[in-house]
C-alpha atoms as a PDB file:
ATOM      1  CA  MET A   1    -153.926-128.661  16.455  1.00  0.00           C
ATOM      2  CA  ASP A   2    -155.728-128.632  19.765  1.00  0.00           C
ATOM      3  CA  ILE A   3    -155.272-131.072  22.634  1.00  0.00           C
ATOM      4  CA  GLY A   4    -158.449-133.024  21.854  1.00  0.00           C
ATOM      5  CA  ALA A   5    -157.517-133.693  18.240  1.00  0.00           C
ATOM      6  CA  LEU A   6    -153.987-134.611  19.245  1.00  0.00           C
ATOM      7  CA  SER A   7    -155.322-137.039  21.838  1.00  0.00           C
ATOM      8  CA  LEU A   8    -157.611-138.676  19.272  1.00  0.00           C
ATOM      9  CA  ALA A   9    -154.789-138.986  16.742  1.00  0.00           C
ATOM     10  CA  TRP A  10    -152.469-140.521  19.332  1.00  0.00           C
ATOM     11  CA  SER A  11    -155.176-142.939  20.477  1.00  0.00           C
ATOM     12  CA  ASP A  12    -155.904-143.955  16.878  1.00  0.00           C
ATOM     13  CA  THR A  13    -152.208-144.578  16.244  1.00  0.00           C
ATOM     14  CA  LYS A  14    -151.942-146.643  19.406  1.00  0.00           C
ATOM     15  CA  VAL A  15    -154.911-148.795  18.384  1.00  0.00           C
ATOM     16  CA  HIS A  16    -153.407-149.398  14.939  1.00  0.00           C
ATOM     17  CA  ASN A  17    -150.069-150.349  16.481  1.00  0.00           C
ATOM     18  CA  ASP A  18    -151.742-152.704  18.963  1.00  0.00           C
ATOM     19  CA  ILE A  19    -153.640-154.405  16.136  1.00  0.00           C
ATOM     20  CA  SER A  20    -150.470-154.742  14.067  1.00  0.00           C
ATOM     21  CA  VAL A  21    -148.619-156.330  16.970  1.00  0.00           C
ATOM     22  CA  ALA A  22    -151.492-158.753  17.620  1.00  0.00           C
ATOM     23  CA  VAL A  23    -151.588-159.801  13.951  1.00  0.00           C
ATOM     24  CA  LEU A  24    -147.816-160.265  13.899  1.00  0.00           C
ATOM     25  CA  ASP A  25    -147.979-162.338  17.091  1.00  0.00           C
ATOM     26  CA  LYS A  26    -150.641-164.583  15.582  1.00  0.00           C
ATOM     27  CA  SER A  27    -148.623-164.907  12.380  1.00  0.00           C
ATOM     28  CA  LEU A  28    -145.556-165.965  14.361  1.00  0.00           C
ATOM     29  CA  ASP A  29    -147.619-168.572  16.218  1.00  0.00           C
ATOM     30  CA  VAL A  30    -148.920-169.998  12.944  1.00  0.00           C
ATOM     31  CA  GLN A  31    -145.421-170.112  11.453  1.00  0.00           C
ATOM     32  CA  GLU A  32    -144.089-171.817  14.574  1.00  0.00           C
ATOM     33  CA  GLN A  33    -146.771-174.510  14.327  1.00  0.00           C
ATOM     34  CA  ALA A  34    -146.122-174.989  10.605  1.00  0.00           C
ATOM     35  CA  SER A  35    -142.378-175.356  11.130  1.00  0.00           C
ATOM     36  CA  ALA A  36    -142.919-177.820  13.981  1.00  0.00           C
ATOM     37  CA  ALA A  37    -145.200-179.888  11.736  1.00  0.00           C
ATOM     38  CA  MET A  38    -142.614-179.807   8.943  1.00  0.00           C
ATOM     39  CA  ILE A  39    -139.838-180.910  11.292  1.00  0.00           C
ATOM     40  CA  ASN A  40    -142.061-183.698  12.593  1.00  0.00           C
ATOM     41  CA  MET A  41    -142.818-184.812   9.027  1.00  0.00           C
ATOM     42  CA  MET A  42    -139.121-184.819   8.141  1.00  0.00           C
ATOM     43  CA  ASN A  43    -138.279-186.837  11.245  1.00  0.00           C
ATOM     44  CA  LYS A  44    -140.900-189.434  10.307  1.00  0.00           C
ATOM     45  CA  SER A  45    -139.515-189.724   6.776  1.00  0.00           C
ATOM     46  CA  MET A  46    -135.992-190.082   8.174  1.00  0.00           C
ATOM     47  CA  MET A  47    -137.187-192.911  10.396  1.00  0.00           C
ATOM     48  CA  GLU A  48    -138.739-194.675   7.379  1.00  0.00           C
ATOM     49  CA  THR A  49    -135.458-194.376   5.492  1.00  0.00           C
ATOM     50  CA  SER A  50    -133.499-195.760   8.441  1.00  0.00           C
ATOM     51  CA  VAL A  51    -135.828-198.771   8.723  1.00  0.00           C
ATOM     52  CA  ASN A  52    -136.115-199.399   4.963  1.00  0.00           C
ATOM     53  CA  PRO A  53    -133.113-197.724   3.323  1.00  0.00           C
ATOM     54  CA  ASN A  54    -134.010-198.915  -0.203  1.00  0.00           C
ATOM     55  CA  VAL A  55    -137.608-197.704  -0.183  1.00  0.00           C
ATOM     56  CA  GLY A  56    -138.007-194.525  -2.205  1.00  0.00           C
ATOM     57  CA  SER A  57    -134.313-194.013  -2.844  1.00  0.00           C
ATOM     58  CA  ASN A  58    -134.381-195.094  -6.517  1.00  0.00           C
ATOM     59  CA  PHE A  59    -136.792-194.290  -9.306  1.00  0.00           C
ATOM     60  CA  ASP A  60    -136.693-196.303 -12.520  1.00  0.00           C
ATOM     61  CA  MET A  61    -138.510-194.834 -15.479  1.00  0.00           C
ATOM     62  CA  SER A  62    -138.789-196.154 -18.974  1.00  0.00           C
ATOM     63  CA  VAL A  63    -140.779-194.737 -21.832  1.00  0.00           C
END
């Protein structure tokens, strides 16, 4: 393998690695936002339970 082909192969590998890291970074950002939204949602539901402890705690079903 000559120097030119080796350089192209190394450059191609570097580009693929850079793209993979960028996609992973974006994925981590999305997951961080989703988890923050879930925590916020849970905190709001906890506040509702603390204000109205009987709301939603029992479910009566008859057929």
